[in-house]
Amino acid sequence: MFGNWQASDVLAVELLQKDARLAVSGELGRPCPGGTLRVVPLFETVKDLRAAGLVIRKLLSIDWYREHIIKNHNGHQEVMVGYSDSGKDAGRFTAAWELYKAQEDVVAACNEYGIKVTLFHGRGGSIGRGGGPTYLAIQSQPPGSVMGSLRSTEQGEMVQAKFGLPQTAVRQLEIYTTAVLLATLRPPQPPREEKWRNLMEEMSEISCQNYRSVVYENPEFLAYFHEATPQAELGFLNIGSRPTRRKSSTGIGHLRAIPWVFAWTQTRFVLPAWLGVGAGLQGVCEKGHTDDLKAMYKEWPFFQSTIDLIEMVLGKADIPIAKHYDEVLVLESRQELGSKLRRELLAAGKYVLVISGHEKLSENNRILRRLIESRLPYLNPINMLQVEILKRLRCDDANHKLRDALLITINGIAAGMRNTVSVLSAIYFAVYAKSKADEKKE
């Protein structure tokens, strides 16, 4: 169920099940497993996430619903949190913090009524849609949110990348199992002091304001987005399972998160994953809290993983390539917006390095850096070709040969920017296993 702002939304589905007699509509009239189908509320936008705990508390305060969960679902409530729309709504940094708080609140609500909870993470493959190394993501969840069970989506090309080969699939399941066991037996550390939460709240607010002032409030941004990326062309290439928009409106709000992130990844600007981050970090650092942020990075798994993922994205971004898209495809009157955004990208990189203590991006992951660098001789020419094809296609949009050529470049760039997630998962798992082995030797 999407967009559950009130407990009555869940109860309406339960009533529908009752009226449809789903409890006895199984094969040959036998009862369905568990009596009825599970109803799982989904909280995805920032507004939804902030109301998640309140909705769950309201539901569990209803005697009938609580007894229904205990009797028909073994005292187990499942709640889904979405990453894609929250990121598009408020920016990746704010979305990460709102998701963390929502999970804390949902867990607390269920604990108050003695109900077990399984959090279902609706994550995408890219960082902008909540993706990242599986092990790192699970180990950075709020304490108590992984109690022996966890659900997570694997979408699109990530299914093939992670489970396409038997050996790879086994490895991924090992990573999931190990991370869930460790998070259950040794929960991640919460923020050490209330000051850290206050700083995170302040950074989130600044980051969100910066993100929305660009994406939703700048009247030039929508036109810039359509000109600087292949988003408009993605719609007629039939490369996705769903339309690029939920409604016919051309606004960002009705654009699905997948094409939103995918379009920026094609230009190597990966804007959804870092926009607002630099402003948030800078705002707090300039108030004299740099040392606090460094301590948070070292001691708080959630904050460390958030910064590490942003650093990974920044390492994949390429300012000269993104600038080339602007110079060729964007009207001169709107190119200043692109220049401003590139300066924000540099600022984000600067403050991420200050907090992490690294001298350059991806310094803590040399394998990833070498992987990216080894692809540049192949990836850069494909981007150059795509820019030229887009330029010609926008003058002759019915040219099917140009459309075919564009599709080839899209696949090539997607392949060149992909794979870092699964590679990182294996790397983090291997590094952790080695550190544990070293501890035993000592």
Protein backbone atom coordinates (compact mmCIF):
# COMPACT_ATOMS: atom_id res chain seq x y z
CA MET A 1 0.00 0.00 0.00
CA PHE A 2 1.50 3.33 -1.11
CA GLY A 3 0.92 6.68 0.60
CA ASN A 4 -0.44 5.55 3.98
CA TRP A 5 -0.97 8.77 5.86
CA GLN A 6 -3.73 7.38 8.10
CA ALA A 7 -4.41 4.14 9.91
CA SER A 8 -7.78 3.96 8.15
CA ASP A 9 -5.99 3.26 4.85
CA VAL A 10 -4.73 -0.06 6.24
CA LEU A 11 -8.08 -0.87 7.84
CA ALA A 12 -9.84 -0.27 4.51
CA VAL A 13 -7.78 -3.05 2.90
CA GLU A 14 -8.49 -5.35 5.83
CA LEU A 15 -12.21 -4.66 5.37
CA LEU A 16 -11.90 -5.38 1.65
CA GLN A 17 -10.31 -8.75 2.46
CA LYS A 18 -13.11 -9.54 4.87
CA ASP A 19 -15.84 -8.60 2.40
CA ALA A 20 -14.15 -10.56 -0.38
CA ARG A 21 -13.87 -13.56 1.98
CA LEU A 22 -10.20 -13.98 1.18
CA ALA A 23 -9.82 -15.90 4.42
CA VAL A 24 -11.49 -18.89 2.78
CA SER A 25 -10.80 -18.25 -0.89
CA GLY A 26 -7.77 -20.48 -1.18
CA GLU A 27 -7.65 -23.67 -3.23
CA LEU A 28 -10.86 -25.70 -2.81
CA GLY A 29 -12.11 -23.23 -0.23
CA ARG A 30 -9.27 -23.87 2.21
CA PRO A 31 -8.14 -20.97 4.40
CA CYS A 32 -5.34 -18.79 3.10
CA PRO A 33 -2.03 -19.19 4.98
CA GLY A 34 -2.19 -17.08 8.11
CA GLY A 35 -5.92 -16.53 7.73
CA THR A 36 -5.64 -13.39 5.56
CA LEU A 37 -3.10 -11.77 3.29
CA ARG A 38 -0.61 -9.44 4.96
CA VAL A 39 -1.31 -5.74 4.56
CA VAL A 40 1.99 -3.85 4.47
CA PRO A 41 1.88 -0.04 4.69
CA LEU A 42 4.48 1.78 2.61
CA PHE A 43 5.96 5.08 3.80
CA GLU A 44 8.08 6.79 1.17
CA THR A 45 7.78 10.56 0.87
CA VAL A 46 9.19 12.71 3.68
CA LYS A 47 5.63 13.50 4.82
CA ASP A 48 4.82 9.78 4.96
CA LEU A 49 8.00 8.91 6.83
CA ARG A 50 7.40 11.52 9.50
CA ALA A 51 3.92 10.09 10.11
CA ALA A 52 5.00 6.42 10.09
CA GLY A 53 5.29 5.93 13.86
CA LEU A 54 2.00 7.72 14.50
CA VAL A 55 0.15 5.55 11.98
CA ILE A 56 1.54 2.29 13.41
CA ARG A 57 0.72 3.39 16.97
CA LYS A 58 -2.84 4.26 15.95
CA LEU A 59 -3.26 0.88 14.28
CA LEU A 60 -1.90 -1.12 17.20
CA SER A 61 -4.01 0.85 19.69
CA ILE A 62 -7.11 -0.66 18.04
CA ASP A 63 -7.93 -3.86 19.93
CA TRP A 64 -9.35 -5.63 16.88
CA TYR A 65 -6.29 -4.89 14.72
CA ARG A 66 -3.79 -5.86 17.42
CA GLU A 67 -5.60 -9.16 18.07
CA HIS A 68 -5.79 -9.74 14.31
CA ILE A 69 -2.00 -9.32 14.01
CA ILE A 70 -1.39 -11.68 16.95
CA LYS A 71 -3.87 -14.32 15.79
CA ASN A 72 -3.42 -14.30 12.02
CA HIS A 73 0.15 -13.08 11.61
CA ASN A 74 1.89 -14.54 14.65
CA GLY A 75 2.21 -11.15 16.31
CA HIS A 76 4.24 -9.82 13.42
CA GLN A 77 3.76 -6.43 11.72
CA GLU A 78 5.57 -5.71 8.46
CA VAL A 79 6.27 -2.09 7.46
CA MET A 80 7.82 -0.95 4.19
CA VAL A 81 9.98 2.15 3.87
CA GLY A 82 10.74 3.53 0.41
CA TYR A 83 13.97 5.19 -0.65
CA SER A 84 13.38 6.41 -4.21
CA ASP A 85 10.60 8.99 -3.80
CA SER A 86 11.95 10.30 -0.49
CA GLY A 87 15.27 10.99 -2.23
CA LYS A 88 13.56 12.76 -5.13
CA ASP A 89 11.37 14.66 -2.69
CA ALA A 90 14.05 16.08 -0.37
CA GLY A 91 17.48 14.95 -1.56
CA ARG A 92 19.49 11.89 -0.61
CA PHE A 93 20.95 13.32 2.63
CA THR A 94 17.62 14.38 4.11
CA ALA A 95 15.95 11.18 2.90
CA ALA A 96 18.56 9.07 4.69
CA TRP A 97 17.95 10.88 7.98
CA GLU A 98 14.15 10.78 7.68
CA LEU A 99 14.31 7.04 6.92
CA TYR A 100 16.51 6.48 9.98
CA LYS A 101 14.11 8.36 12.27
CA ALA A 102 11.04 6.69 10.78
CA GLN A 103 12.50 3.25 11.44
CA GLU A 104 13.32 4.21 15.02
CA ASP A 105 9.75 5.41 15.54
CA VAL A 106 8.15 2.34 13.96
CA VAL A 107 10.30 -0.01 16.07
CA ALA A 108 9.43 1.94 19.24
CA ALA A 109 5.71 1.85 18.39
CA CYS A 110 5.72 -1.92 17.89
CA ASN A 111 7.74 -2.47 21.06
CA GLU A 112 5.19 -0.48 23.08
CA TYR A 113 2.51 -3.01 22.11
CA GLY A 114 4.69 -6.13 22.23
CA ILE A 115 4.48 -6.68 18.47
CA LYS A 116 7.41 -7.93 16.40
CA VAL A 117 8.31 -5.84 13.37
CA THR A 118 10.02 -6.57 10.07
CA LEU A 119 11.14 -3.57 8.07
CA PHE A 120 10.86 -3.97 4.32
CA HIS A 121 13.39 -1.76 2.55
CA GLY A 122 12.27 -0.62 -0.91
CA ARG A 123 15.72 0.19 -2.23
CA GLY A 124 16.83 0.79 -5.80
CA GLY A 125 20.13 -0.16 -7.38
CA SER A 126 21.70 3.31 -7.51
CA ILE A 127 22.79 5.44 -4.54
CA GLY A 128 20.25 8.10 -5.53
CA ARG A 129 17.48 5.53 -5.02
CA GLY A 130 18.81 4.12 -1.74
CA GLY A 131 21.17 1.52 -3.19
CA GLY A 132 24.60 0.70 -1.88
CA PRO A 133 26.65 -2.15 -0.43
CA THR A 134 24.22 -4.57 1.22
CA TYR A 135 26.39 -5.34 4.21
CA LEU A 136 27.14 -1.68 4.93
CA ALA A 137 23.47 -0.71 4.61
CA ILE A 138 22.27 -3.36 7.08
CA GLN A 139 25.01 -2.61 9.58
CA SER A 140 24.06 1.09 9.64
CA GLN A 141 20.37 0.62 10.47
CA PRO A 142 18.97 1.99 13.77
CA PRO A 143 19.47 -0.30 16.79
CA GLY A 144 16.63 -2.78 17.14
CA SER A 145 15.40 -2.41 13.58
CA VAL A 146 16.97 -5.70 12.47
CA MET A 147 15.87 -8.35 14.93
CA GLY A 148 16.50 -11.58 13.07
CA SER A 149 14.50 -10.56 10.02
CA LEU A 150 14.73 -8.09 7.17
CA ARG A 151 13.21 -7.70 3.71
CA SER A 152 14.72 -5.77 0.83
CA THR A 153 13.94 -5.29 -2.84
CA GLU A 154 16.42 -6.05 -5.59
CA GLN A 155 15.38 -4.31 -8.78
CA GLY A 156 16.10 -4.32 -12.47
CA GLU A 157 19.67 -4.96 -13.53
CA MET A 158 20.73 -5.58 -9.91
CA VAL A 159 18.89 -8.92 -9.93
CA GLN A 160 21.13 -10.10 -12.74
CA ALA A 161 24.24 -8.49 -11.27
CA LYS A 162 23.78 -10.01 -7.81
CA PHE A 163 21.94 -13.27 -8.53
CA GLY A 164 22.63 -14.04 -12.19
CA LEU A 165 25.23 -16.72 -11.45
CA PRO A 166 24.91 -19.44 -8.77
CA GLN A 167 28.23 -18.53 -7.14
CA THR A 168 27.33 -14.83 -7.07
CA ALA A 169 23.87 -15.56 -5.70
CA VAL A 170 25.30 -17.68 -2.88
CA ARG A 171 27.76 -14.91 -2.06
CA GLN A 172 24.98 -12.33 -1.87
CA LEU A 173 22.90 -14.54 0.41
CA GLU A 174 25.96 -15.01 2.63
CA ILE A 175 26.35 -11.24 2.85
CA TYR A 176 22.67 -10.77 3.74
CA THR A 177 22.74 -13.55 6.33
CA THR A 178 25.95 -12.41 7.99
CA ALA A 179 24.84 -8.78 8.15
CA VAL A 180 21.41 -9.64 9.61
CA LEU A 181 22.92 -11.96 12.23
CA LEU A 182 25.48 -9.35 13.30
CA ALA A 183 22.93 -6.52 13.36
CA THR A 184 20.69 -8.72 15.55
CA LEU A 185 23.34 -10.00 17.95
CA ARG A 186 25.39 -6.81 18.05
CA PRO A 187 23.14 -3.90 17.03
CA PRO A 188 24.80 -0.85 15.45
CA GLN A 189 25.68 2.00 17.78
CA PRO A 190 23.14 4.83 18.12
CA PRO A 191 24.33 8.46 18.11
CA ARG A 192 26.57 8.88 21.16
CA GLU A 193 24.94 12.09 22.35
CA GLU A 194 21.86 14.17 21.67
CA LYS A 195 24.06 16.86 20.13
CA TRP A 196 24.78 14.53 17.21
CA ARG A 197 21.08 14.15 16.48
CA ASN A 198 20.64 17.92 16.64
CA LEU A 199 23.52 18.44 14.21
CA MET A 200 22.07 15.83 11.87
CA GLU A 201 18.69 17.58 12.04
CA GLU A 202 20.29 20.93 11.23
CA MET A 203 22.28 19.53 8.31
CA SER A 204 19.21 17.78 7.00
CA GLU A 205 17.15 20.96 7.09
CA ILE A 206 19.81 23.02 5.28
CA SER A 207 20.36 20.24 2.74
CA CYS A 208 16.64 19.89 2.02
CA GLN A 209 16.17 23.65 1.59
CA ASN A 210 19.12 23.79 -0.81
CA TYR A 211 17.90 20.78 -2.81
CA ARG A 212 14.31 21.97 -3.13
CA SER A 213 15.34 25.55 -3.93
CA VAL A 214 17.10 24.18 -7.00
CA VAL A 215 14.86 21.30 -8.12
CA TYR A 216 11.38 22.59 -7.27
CA GLU A 217 11.65 26.36 -6.81
CA ASN A 218 14.06 27.45 -9.54
CA PRO A 219 11.88 28.16 -12.61
CA GLU A 220 14.80 27.45 -14.95
CA PHE A 221 15.63 24.03 -13.55
CA LEU A 222 13.02 21.92 -15.34
CA ALA A 223 14.03 23.25 -18.76
CA TYR A 224 17.69 22.83 -17.86
CA PHE A 225 17.06 19.22 -16.81
CA HIS A 226 15.36 18.40 -20.12
CA GLU A 227 18.13 20.03 -22.15
CA ALA A 228 21.16 18.77 -20.22
CA THR A 229 20.10 15.11 -19.93
CA PRO A 230 18.55 12.48 -22.23
CA GLN A 231 15.46 12.27 -19.98
CA ALA A 232 13.03 13.42 -22.68
CA GLU A 233 14.40 10.83 -25.10
CA LEU A 234 14.21 7.98 -22.57
CA GLY A 235 10.42 8.01 -22.80
CA PHE A 236 10.25 6.86 -26.43
CA LEU A 237 13.04 4.27 -26.24
CA ASN A 238 10.89 1.69 -24.38
CA ILE A 239 13.72 0.59 -22.11
CA GLY A 240 11.73 0.49 -18.87
CA SER A 241 8.85 -1.58 -17.55
CA ARG A 242 6.70 1.48 -16.74
CA PRO A 243 6.07 4.96 -18.18
CA THR A 244 8.63 7.55 -17.07
CA ARG A 245 5.85 9.63 -15.48
CA ARG A 246 2.93 8.82 -13.20
CA LYS A 247 0.84 11.57 -14.82
CA SER A 248 1.00 13.57 -18.02
CA SER A 249 2.41 16.61 -16.19
CA THR A 250 5.94 17.63 -17.19
CA GLY A 251 6.92 18.63 -13.64
CA ILE A 252 9.59 16.89 -11.55
CA GLY A 253 7.00 15.84 -8.97
CA HIS A 254 5.27 13.36 -11.32
CA LEU A 255 8.49 12.02 -12.83
CA ARG A 256 9.32 8.53 -11.57
CA ALA A 257 12.47 8.22 -9.49
CA ILE A 258 14.09 5.72 -11.87
CA PRO A 259 14.33 7.99 -14.95
CA TRP A 260 15.14 10.95 -12.67
CA VAL A 261 18.26 9.22 -11.35
CA PHE A 262 19.06 7.38 -14.59
CA ALA A 263 19.08 10.55 -16.69
CA TRP A 264 21.61 12.27 -14.43
CA THR A 265 23.75 9.14 -14.30
CA GLN A 266 23.98 9.18 -18.09
CA THR A 267 25.60 12.63 -18.01
CA ARG A 268 27.96 11.52 -15.22
CA PHE A 269 26.66 14.37 -13.04
CA VAL A 270 24.66 12.01 -10.70
CA LEU A 271 23.00 15.10 -9.22
CA PRO A 272 20.23 13.38 -7.14
CA ALA A 273 22.81 11.63 -4.93
CA TRP A 274 24.76 14.71 -3.79
CA LEU A 275 22.71 17.91 -4.33
CA GLY A 276 22.23 19.63 -0.97
CA VAL A 277 24.95 17.64 0.79
CA GLY A 278 27.64 20.29 0.44
CA ALA A 279 25.33 23.05 1.73
CA GLY A 280 24.32 20.98 4.76
CA LEU A 281 27.86 20.05 5.73
CA GLN A 282 29.18 23.55 5.06
CA GLY A 283 26.45 25.16 7.16
CA VAL A 284 27.38 23.11 10.23
CA CYS A 285 31.15 23.25 9.70
CA GLU A 286 31.08 27.05 9.47
CA LYS A 287 29.44 27.14 12.90
CA GLY A 288 32.47 25.38 14.38
CA HIS A 289 31.22 21.78 14.49
CA THR A 290 33.79 20.21 12.17
CA ASP A 291 35.34 18.14 14.97
CA ASP A 292 31.89 16.90 16.00
CA LEU A 293 31.22 15.72 12.44
CA LYS A 294 34.58 13.95 12.34
CA ALA A 295 33.70 12.15 15.59
CA MET A 296 30.28 11.24 14.18
CA TYR A 297 31.96 9.78 11.10
CA LYS A 298 34.24 7.60 13.22
CA GLU A 299 31.74 6.41 15.83
CA TRP A 300 28.23 6.44 14.30
CA PRO A 301 27.74 3.71 11.63
CA PHE A 302 24.74 5.44 10.07
CA PHE A 303 26.57 8.73 9.52
CA GLN A 304 29.71 6.99 8.30
CA SER A 305 27.82 4.91 5.74
CA THR A 306 25.92 8.00 4.52
CA ILE A 307 29.15 9.94 3.97
CA ASP A 308 30.91 6.93 2.41
CA LEU A 309 28.11 6.39 -0.11
CA ILE A 310 28.10 10.07 -1.07
CA GLU A 311 31.89 9.93 -1.45
CA MET A 312 31.53 6.91 -3.72
CA VAL A 313 29.08 8.81 -5.94
CA LEU A 314 31.27 11.90 -6.03
CA GLY A 315 34.16 9.68 -7.14
CA LYS A 316 32.08 8.55 -10.13
CA ALA A 317 30.94 12.05 -11.09
CA ASP A 318 32.82 13.78 -13.91
CA ILE A 319 32.62 17.57 -14.10
CA PRO A 320 34.26 18.00 -17.56
CA ILE A 321 31.82 15.50 -19.11
CA ALA A 322 28.80 17.14 -17.44
CA LYS A 323 30.07 20.53 -18.59
CA HIS A 324 30.33 19.26 -22.18
CA TYR A 325 26.63 18.26 -22.12
CA ASP A 326 25.79 21.80 -21.00
CA GLU A 327 27.93 23.55 -23.58
CA VAL A 328 26.47 21.58 -26.50
CA LEU A 329 22.86 20.96 -25.46
CA VAL A 330 21.79 23.71 -23.04
CA LEU A 331 20.69 27.17 -24.09
CA GLU A 332 23.32 29.77 -23.26
CA SER A 333 20.86 31.63 -21.02
CA ARG A 334 20.59 28.55 -18.78
CA GLN A 335 24.24 27.51 -18.70
CA GLU A 336 24.90 29.60 -15.61
CA LEU A 337 22.65 27.23 -13.65
CA GLY A 338 24.88 24.35 -14.73
CA SER A 339 27.97 26.29 -13.62
CA LYS A 340 26.39 26.90 -10.22
CA LEU A 341 25.56 23.21 -9.80
CA ARG A 342 29.11 22.19 -10.72
CA ARG A 343 30.41 24.53 -8.01
CA GLU A 344 28.05 22.84 -5.55
CA LEU A 345 29.44 19.46 -6.60
CA LEU A 346 32.97 20.68 -5.85
CA ALA A 347 31.82 22.02 -2.46
CA ALA A 348 30.20 18.68 -1.58
CA GLY A 349 33.45 16.88 -2.41
CA LYS A 350 35.48 19.35 -0.36
CA TYR A 351 33.44 18.95 2.82
CA VAL A 352 33.09 15.17 2.47
CA LEU A 353 36.89 14.93 2.38
CA VAL A 354 37.21 17.23 5.41
CA ILE A 355 34.90 15.02 7.47
CA SER A 356 36.20 11.65 6.29
CA GLY A 357 39.84 12.70 6.62
CA HIS A 358 40.65 11.39 3.16
CA GLU A 359 43.01 13.28 0.87
CA LYS A 360 41.04 12.41 -2.26
CA LEU A 361 37.74 10.78 -3.13
CA SER A 362 37.53 6.98 -2.80
CA GLU A 363 40.88 6.95 -1.03
CA ASN A 364 39.50 4.27 1.31
CA ASN A 365 38.54 2.09 -1.66
CA ARG A 366 41.40 1.84 -4.11
CA ILE A 367 39.83 -1.12 -5.90
CA LEU A 368 36.79 0.98 -6.75
CA ARG A 369 38.95 3.89 -7.86
CA ARG A 370 41.02 1.66 -10.16
CA LEU A 371 37.81 0.12 -11.51
CA ILE A 372 36.43 3.56 -12.42
CA GLU A 373 39.74 4.77 -13.90
CA SER A 374 40.12 1.64 -16.02
CA ARG A 375 36.74 2.32 -17.67
CA LEU A 376 37.31 5.98 -18.51
CA PRO A 377 39.06 5.35 -21.87
CA TYR A 378 35.90 3.54 -23.01
CA LEU A 379 33.28 5.57 -21.15
CA ASN A 380 34.38 9.09 -22.12
CA PRO A 381 34.09 8.54 -25.90
CA ILE A 382 30.61 7.03 -25.44
CA ASN A 383 29.52 10.18 -23.58
CA MET A 384 30.92 12.34 -26.39
CA LEU A 385 28.98 10.28 -28.92
CA GLN A 386 25.80 10.57 -26.89
CA VAL A 387 26.05 14.35 -26.78
CA GLU A 388 26.40 14.53 -30.56
CA ILE A 389 23.54 12.07 -31.11
CA LEU A 390 21.25 14.03 -28.77
CA LYS A 391 22.12 17.24 -30.61
CA ARG A 392 21.16 15.70 -33.96
CA LEU A 393 18.13 13.82 -32.64
CA ARG A 394 16.61 17.00 -31.24
CA CYS A 395 16.64 18.39 -34.78
CA ASP A 396 15.28 15.16 -36.28
CA ASP A 397 13.38 13.26 -33.58
CA ALA A 398 11.82 10.79 -36.04
CA ASN A 399 15.22 9.45 -37.14
CA HIS A 400 15.17 5.81 -36.05
CA LYS A 401 18.85 5.28 -36.79
CA LEU A 402 19.70 8.04 -34.33
CA ARG A 403 17.32 6.52 -31.78
CA ASP A 404 19.05 3.16 -32.14
CA ALA A 405 22.44 4.82 -31.78
CA LEU A 406 21.25 6.67 -28.67
CA LEU A 407 20.04 3.43 -27.12
CA ILE A 408 23.48 1.88 -27.68
CA THR A 409 25.18 4.79 -25.91
CA ILE A 410 22.68 4.61 -23.05
CA ASN A 411 23.44 0.93 -22.53
CA GLY A 412 27.17 1.56 -22.76
CA ILE A 413 27.18 4.38 -20.19
CA ALA A 414 24.86 2.44 -17.87
CA ALA A 415 27.23 -0.53 -18.00
CA GLY A 416 30.23 1.70 -17.38
CA MET A 417 28.64 3.37 -14.36
CA ARG A 418 27.21 0.12 -12.99
CA ASN A 419 28.70 -2.74 -11.01
CA THR A 420 30.28 -0.63 -8.30
CA VAL A 421 27.47 -1.53 -5.90
CA SER A 422 27.98 -5.30 -6.13
CA VAL A 423 31.74 -4.87 -6.17
CA LEU A 424 31.60 -2.72 -3.03
CA SER A 425 29.40 -5.25 -1.25
CA ALA A 426 32.00 -7.94 -1.77
CA ILE A 427 34.82 -5.56 -0.79
CA TYR A 428 33.21 -4.46 2.49
CA PHE A 429 32.36 -8.05 3.38
CA ALA A 430 35.93 -9.18 2.64
CA VAL A 431 37.44 -6.30 4.64
CA TYR A 432 35.20 -7.07 7.62
CA ALA A 433 36.00 -10.80 7.49
CA LYS A 434 39.72 -10.02 7.40
CA SER A 435 39.46 -7.63 10.38
CA LYS A 436 37.65 -10.30 12.41
CA ALA A 437 40.30 -12.86 11.50
CA ASP A 438 43.04 -10.42 12.56
CA GLU A 439 41.28 -9.84 15.89
CA LYS A 440 41.22 -13.57 16.57
CA LYS A 441 44.96 -13.84 15.82
CA GLU A 442 45.66 -11.08 18.33
